[in-house]
Amino acid sequence: MRGAALRVAVLQCQGASSGHAMAVAGKSLVAASWRGLRTTNALNQKTEAKRSRVPLLAGGLAAAGLAVGITYYLFDGEKEQVVEQKKRPQAGERVQGLKDYSADEIARHNKIDSDVWVSYRDGVYDITKLIPKHPSKKEVIASAAGKPVEPFFDKYPVHKGNPHVLDWLESFRIGNLREKNPSAGDRVAGLREYSAAEVATHADPDQDVWVTYRNGVYDITKLIPKHPSDKEIIVQAAGGPVEPFWEAYPVHKDNPHVLGWLESLRIGNLREKDVRK
């Protein structure tokens, strides 16, 4: 009976055409072979003085069947892993079924010691557990806390387009960036309004710097020491609109990374009568 089951399992493996069928047949062959080995062991114990060629042959066939079955099983497992990898979304792609988060929600998770979220393209990531494992100093990573990582990647280009970095980041995925986030500088309902005169009082580069962009008001005080430019250059915009500053340094103008970074520092809306036309 055991030999018949083993022959059936072998024939199933030989006739299998797809990887999945090979796995099913392989599993059957493993089971039949294992039973054959157990039977052989029992027969050998009973006939220790008179070894029979039949159990030895059965044992050999069982061992061979076990090896073939495992091979089929592993082959199909590798094939399934390859298929799974091909189906995995690229880093930052929108993933159906995940919760959407706004840029404002992400910005609130900026506590470097306990709670850090970032965004990358359409993805949202909780990187709190990544920080102690990251080769860089905590203070360096803090520059991206609660913000898009694209400006951080631009500043430290070893990350940019690096598949290992992107795979690692994707393993911390918790959601998608809300598609209906307002464009940078759009008026945001529910935020406090400030006058241009009020913004102008926050112009101390060492302590307190606010700027405006279109309808938005931004506190960029914490941005200054992390910005790649010298403080003396950035403070040209302190207490006023950034548009003239960006005309002088056009790398900022309409740059989605710059706009995303700026929007993460949003504190309110500019009073309508003070908005530049």
Protein backbone atom coordinates (compact mmCIF):
# COMPACT_ATOMS: atom_id res chain seq x y z
CA MET A 1 0.00 0.00 0.00
CA ARG A 2 2.83 2.39 0.90
CA GLY A 3 4.66 1.61 -2.35
CA ALA A 4 1.48 2.21 -4.36
CA ALA A 5 0.92 5.61 -2.69
CA LEU A 6 4.53 6.54 -3.40
CA ARG A 7 4.24 5.56 -7.09
CA VAL A 8 1.06 7.65 -7.43
CA ALA A 9 2.79 10.67 -5.87
CA VAL A 10 5.78 10.29 -8.21
CA LEU A 11 3.48 10.13 -11.24
CA GLN A 12 1.67 13.26 -10.02
CA CYS A 13 4.98 15.14 -9.87
CA GLN A 14 5.97 13.97 -13.35
CA GLY A 15 2.65 15.06 -14.79
CA ALA A 16 2.54 18.45 -13.07
CA SER A 17 2.80 21.31 -15.55
CA SER A 18 2.41 24.45 -13.44
CA GLY A 19 4.44 25.59 -10.45
CA HIS A 20 1.37 25.36 -8.22
CA ALA A 21 0.58 21.85 -9.42
CA MET A 22 4.20 20.88 -8.79
CA ALA A 23 3.92 22.15 -5.23
CA VAL A 24 0.71 20.20 -4.56
CA ALA A 25 2.19 17.03 -6.07
CA GLY A 26 5.47 17.67 -4.27
CA LYS A 27 3.70 17.92 -0.92
CA SER A 28 1.90 14.66 -1.66
CA LEU A 29 5.20 13.04 -2.57
CA VAL A 30 6.83 14.32 0.65
CA ALA A 31 4.01 12.86 2.72
CA ALA A 32 4.08 9.50 0.92
CA SER A 33 7.87 9.35 1.12
CA TRP A 34 7.87 10.15 4.81
CA ARG A 35 5.37 7.37 5.48
CA GLY A 36 7.57 5.06 3.41
CA LEU A 37 10.62 5.90 5.46
CA ARG A 38 8.77 5.25 8.70
CA THR A 39 7.53 1.89 7.39
CA THR A 40 11.04 0.99 6.24
CA ASN A 41 12.44 1.80 9.65
CA ALA A 42 9.88 -0.47 11.33
CA LEU A 43 10.63 -3.35 8.93
CA ASN A 44 14.36 -2.96 9.43
CA GLN A 45 13.94 -3.16 13.19
CA LYS A 46 11.90 -6.38 12.90
CA THR A 47 14.35 -8.02 10.49
CA GLU A 48 17.62 -6.74 11.90
CA ALA A 49 19.26 -10.17 11.67
CA LYS A 50 17.93 -10.85 8.18
CA ARG A 51 18.00 -7.67 6.18
CA SER A 52 15.67 -7.80 3.25
CA ARG A 53 16.39 -6.16 -0.07
CA VAL A 54 12.77 -5.03 -0.32
CA PRO A 55 12.80 -2.63 2.65
CA LEU A 56 16.19 -1.30 1.52
CA LEU A 57 14.78 -0.58 -1.94
CA ALA A 58 11.67 0.92 -0.41
CA GLY A 59 13.82 3.08 1.82
CA GLY A 60 15.92 4.25 -1.12
CA LEU A 61 12.84 5.05 -3.16
CA ALA A 62 11.29 6.85 -0.19
CA ALA A 63 14.42 8.94 0.36
CA ALA A 64 14.59 9.81 -3.34
CA GLY A 65 10.91 10.70 -3.32
CA LEU A 66 11.41 12.91 -0.28
CA ALA A 67 14.22 14.79 -2.01
CA VAL A 68 12.22 15.25 -5.23
CA GLY A 69 9.14 16.34 -3.33
CA ILE A 70 11.09 18.94 -1.35
CA THR A 71 12.68 20.19 -4.57
CA TYR A 72 9.26 20.69 -6.21
CA TYR A 73 7.96 22.40 -3.10
CA LEU A 74 10.92 24.77 -2.79
CA PHE A 75 10.87 25.52 -6.52
CA ASP A 76 7.27 26.59 -6.34
CA GLY A 77 7.87 28.59 -3.18
CA GLU A 78 10.65 30.56 -4.93
CA LYS A 79 8.39 31.07 -7.93
CA GLU A 80 5.62 32.42 -5.72
CA GLN A 81 8.10 34.79 -4.03
CA VAL A 82 9.18 36.16 -7.44
CA VAL A 83 5.54 36.69 -8.44
CA GLU A 84 4.86 38.40 -5.10
CA GLN A 85 7.84 40.72 -5.57
CA LYS A 86 6.62 41.69 -9.04
CA LYS A 87 3.20 42.56 -7.62
CA ARG A 88 4.61 44.71 -4.79
CA PRO A 89 3.98 48.43 -5.36
CA GLN A 90 6.94 50.68 -5.89
CA ALA A 91 7.97 52.79 -2.91
CA GLY A 92 5.63 55.71 -2.47
CA GLU A 93 2.88 54.41 -4.75
CA ARG A 94 -0.70 54.71 -3.50
CA VAL A 95 -1.82 51.44 -1.85
CA GLN A 96 -5.51 50.62 -1.87
CA GLY A 97 -7.08 49.83 1.48
CA LEU A 98 -4.70 51.93 3.58
CA LYS A 99 -5.86 54.96 5.57
CA ASP A 100 -5.35 58.44 4.12
CA TYR A 101 -3.52 61.11 6.15
CA SER A 102 -3.22 64.84 5.52
CA ALA A 103 0.07 66.73 5.57
CA ASP A 104 -1.13 68.47 8.73
CA GLU A 105 -1.69 65.13 10.48
CA ILE A 106 1.80 63.95 9.52
CA ALA A 107 3.36 67.21 10.73
CA ARG A 108 2.05 66.57 14.26
CA HIS A 109 4.16 63.38 14.51
CA ASN A 110 7.54 65.06 14.83
CA LYS A 111 8.83 63.97 18.25
CA ILE A 112 12.22 62.47 17.46
CA ASP A 113 12.39 60.38 20.64
CA SER A 114 8.93 58.86 20.52
CA ASP A 115 6.83 59.55 17.44
CA VAL A 116 8.09 60.31 13.93
CA TRP A 117 6.10 60.12 10.71
CA VAL A 118 7.24 61.14 7.24
CA SER A 119 5.79 61.08 3.74
CA TYR A 120 7.34 59.97 0.46
CA ARG A 121 5.44 60.58 -2.77
CA ASP A 122 1.94 59.18 -1.98
CA GLY A 123 3.05 57.15 1.05
CA VAL A 124 2.96 57.83 4.79
CA TYR A 125 5.46 56.11 7.10
CA ASP A 126 5.91 55.75 10.85
CA ILE A 127 9.72 55.61 11.14
CA THR A 128 9.89 55.80 14.95
CA LYS A 129 11.42 52.31 15.21
CA LEU A 130 13.80 52.98 12.33
CA ILE A 131 15.62 55.85 14.06
CA PRO A 132 17.73 53.84 16.57
CA LYS A 133 18.74 51.47 13.74
CA HIS A 134 19.66 54.19 11.24
CA PRO A 135 23.41 54.76 10.75
CA SER A 136 22.99 58.56 10.88
CA LYS A 137 22.71 60.57 14.07
CA LYS A 138 19.24 61.13 15.46
CA GLU A 139 19.64 64.88 15.05
CA VAL A 140 20.17 64.45 11.29
CA ILE A 141 17.04 62.34 10.82
CA ALA A 142 15.05 64.84 12.89
CA SER A 143 15.23 67.28 9.98
CA ALA A 144 12.67 65.13 8.13
CA ALA A 145 10.37 64.49 11.10
CA GLY A 146 6.73 65.19 10.25
CA LYS A 147 7.62 66.21 6.69
CA PRO A 148 8.19 64.89 3.16
CA VAL A 149 11.53 63.10 2.93
CA GLU A 150 12.29 64.30 -0.60
CA PRO A 151 14.19 67.42 0.55
CA PHE A 152 16.10 65.23 3.03
CA PHE A 153 16.95 62.80 0.20
CA ASP A 154 18.11 65.73 -1.95
CA LYS A 155 20.40 66.92 0.84
CA TYR A 156 21.75 63.40 1.48
CA PRO A 157 21.67 61.87 -2.04
CA VAL A 158 22.87 58.44 -0.88
CA HIS A 159 19.17 57.80 -0.15
CA LYS A 160 17.81 59.02 -3.47
CA GLY A 161 16.66 56.19 -5.75
CA ASN A 162 18.48 53.66 -3.54
CA PRO A 163 16.39 50.42 -3.69
CA HIS A 164 17.60 49.26 -0.25
CA VAL A 165 16.62 52.57 1.35
CA LEU A 166 13.23 52.59 -0.41
CA ASP A 167 12.49 48.96 0.54
CA TRP A 168 13.41 49.70 4.15
CA LEU A 169 11.21 52.80 4.14
CA GLU A 170 8.30 50.89 2.58
CA SER A 171 8.42 48.35 5.42
CA PHE A 172 7.28 51.17 7.75
CA ARG A 173 4.27 52.11 5.58
CA ILE A 174 1.11 53.00 7.50
CA GLY A 175 -1.01 54.81 4.93
CA ASN A 176 -1.41 57.12 1.93
CA LEU A 177 -0.98 60.85 1.66
CA ARG A 178 -4.45 62.36 1.22
CA GLU A 179 -4.98 63.20 -2.45
CA LYS A 180 -7.06 66.27 -1.69
CA ASN A 181 -4.39 68.07 0.31
CA PRO A 182 -4.54 71.78 -0.53
CA SER A 183 -1.87 73.07 -2.87
CA ALA A 184 0.91 74.98 -1.15
CA GLY A 185 -0.31 78.43 -0.24
CA ASP A 186 -4.02 77.66 -0.62
CA ARG A 187 -6.32 78.97 2.09
CA VAL A 188 -6.98 76.26 4.70
CA ALA A 189 -10.31 76.34 6.52
CA GLY A 190 -10.13 76.37 10.31
CA LEU A 191 -6.66 77.91 10.63
CA ARG A 192 -6.06 81.21 12.36
CA GLU A 193 -5.66 84.36 10.25
CA TYR A 194 -2.70 86.70 10.58
CA SER A 195 -2.13 90.16 9.15
CA ALA A 196 0.98 91.06 7.17
CA ALA A 197 1.91 93.48 9.98
CA GLU A 198 1.70 90.64 12.51
CA VAL A 199 3.93 88.40 10.37
CA ALA A 200 6.48 91.22 10.06
CA THR A 201 7.04 91.22 13.84
CA HIS A 202 8.50 87.69 13.59
CA ALA A 203 11.77 88.48 11.84
CA ASP A 204 14.54 87.61 14.30
CA PRO A 205 16.78 85.03 12.53
CA ASP A 206 18.10 83.67 15.82
CA GLN A 207 14.77 83.20 17.57
CA ASP A 208 11.62 83.65 15.54
CA VAL A 209 11.06 83.78 11.76
CA TRP A 210 7.72 83.76 9.98
CA VAL A 211 7.08 84.13 6.25
CA THR A 212 4.08 84.17 3.93
CA TYR A 213 3.44 82.39 0.64
CA ARG A 214 0.28 83.25 -1.26
CA ASN A 215 -2.53 82.72 1.34
CA GLY A 216 -0.35 80.87 3.87
CA VAL A 217 1.60 81.88 6.96
CA TYR A 218 4.59 79.75 8.00
CA ASP A 219 6.87 79.60 11.03
CA ILE A 220 10.23 78.63 9.52
CA THR A 221 12.32 79.14 12.68
CA LYS A 222 13.20 75.44 12.97
CA LEU A 223 13.91 75.18 9.24
CA ILE A 224 16.77 77.71 9.24
CA PRO A 225 19.52 75.57 10.89
CA LYS A 226 18.56 72.61 8.69
CA HIS A 227 18.40 74.50 5.40
CA PRO A 228 21.37 73.89 3.05
CA SER A 229 21.77 77.65 2.46
CA ASP A 230 23.45 80.08 4.86
CA LYS A 231 21.23 81.72 7.47
CA GLU A 232 22.13 85.15 6.11
CA ILE A 233 20.54 84.23 2.77
CA ILE A 234 17.33 82.76 4.18
CA VAL A 235 16.62 85.68 6.51
CA GLN A 236 16.19 87.94 3.48
CA ALA A 237 12.60 86.69 3.49
CA ALA A 238 12.11 86.96 7.28
CA GLY A 239 8.81 88.56 8.27
CA GLY A 240 7.56 88.90 4.72
CA PRO A 241 6.52 87.09 1.54
CA VAL A 242 8.87 84.46 0.11
CA GLU A 243 7.95 85.19 -3.52
CA PRO A 244 10.61 87.89 -4.08
CA PHE A 245 13.19 85.65 -2.38
CA TRP A 246 12.27 82.82 -4.75
CA GLU A 247 12.56 85.12 -7.75
CA ALA A 248 16.16 85.78 -6.68
CA TYR A 249 16.77 82.04 -6.05
CA PRO A 250 14.58 80.28 -8.67
CA VAL A 251 15.55 76.77 -7.53
CA HIS A 252 12.73 77.15 -4.98
CA LYS A 253 10.07 78.34 -7.41
CA ASP A 254 7.33 75.77 -8.12
CA ASN A 255 9.60 73.08 -6.71
CA PRO A 256 7.24 70.43 -5.24
CA HIS A 257 9.80 69.36 -2.62
CA VAL A 258 10.32 72.93 -1.43
CA LEU A 259 6.57 73.59 -1.39
CA GLY A 260 5.90 70.37 0.52
CA TRP A 261 8.57 71.24 3.06
CA LEU A 262 7.20 74.78 3.45
CA GLU A 263 3.62 73.54 3.83
CA SER A 264 4.67 71.25 6.69
CA LEU A 265 5.53 74.46 8.64
CA ARG A 266 2.10 76.04 8.09
CA ILE A 267 0.60 77.84 11.09
CA GLY A 268 -2.24 79.83 9.54
CA ASN A 269 -3.73 81.92 6.73
CA LEU A 270 -2.78 85.42 5.63
CA ARG A 271 -5.58 87.94 6.00
CA GLU A 272 -7.24 88.27 2.61
CA LYS A 273 -6.69 92.00 2.21
CA ASP A 274 -2.91 91.43 2.67
CA VAL A 275 -2.54 88.69 0.03
CA ARG A 276 -0.27 89.64 -2.89
CA LYS A 277 -2.18 90.01 -6.14
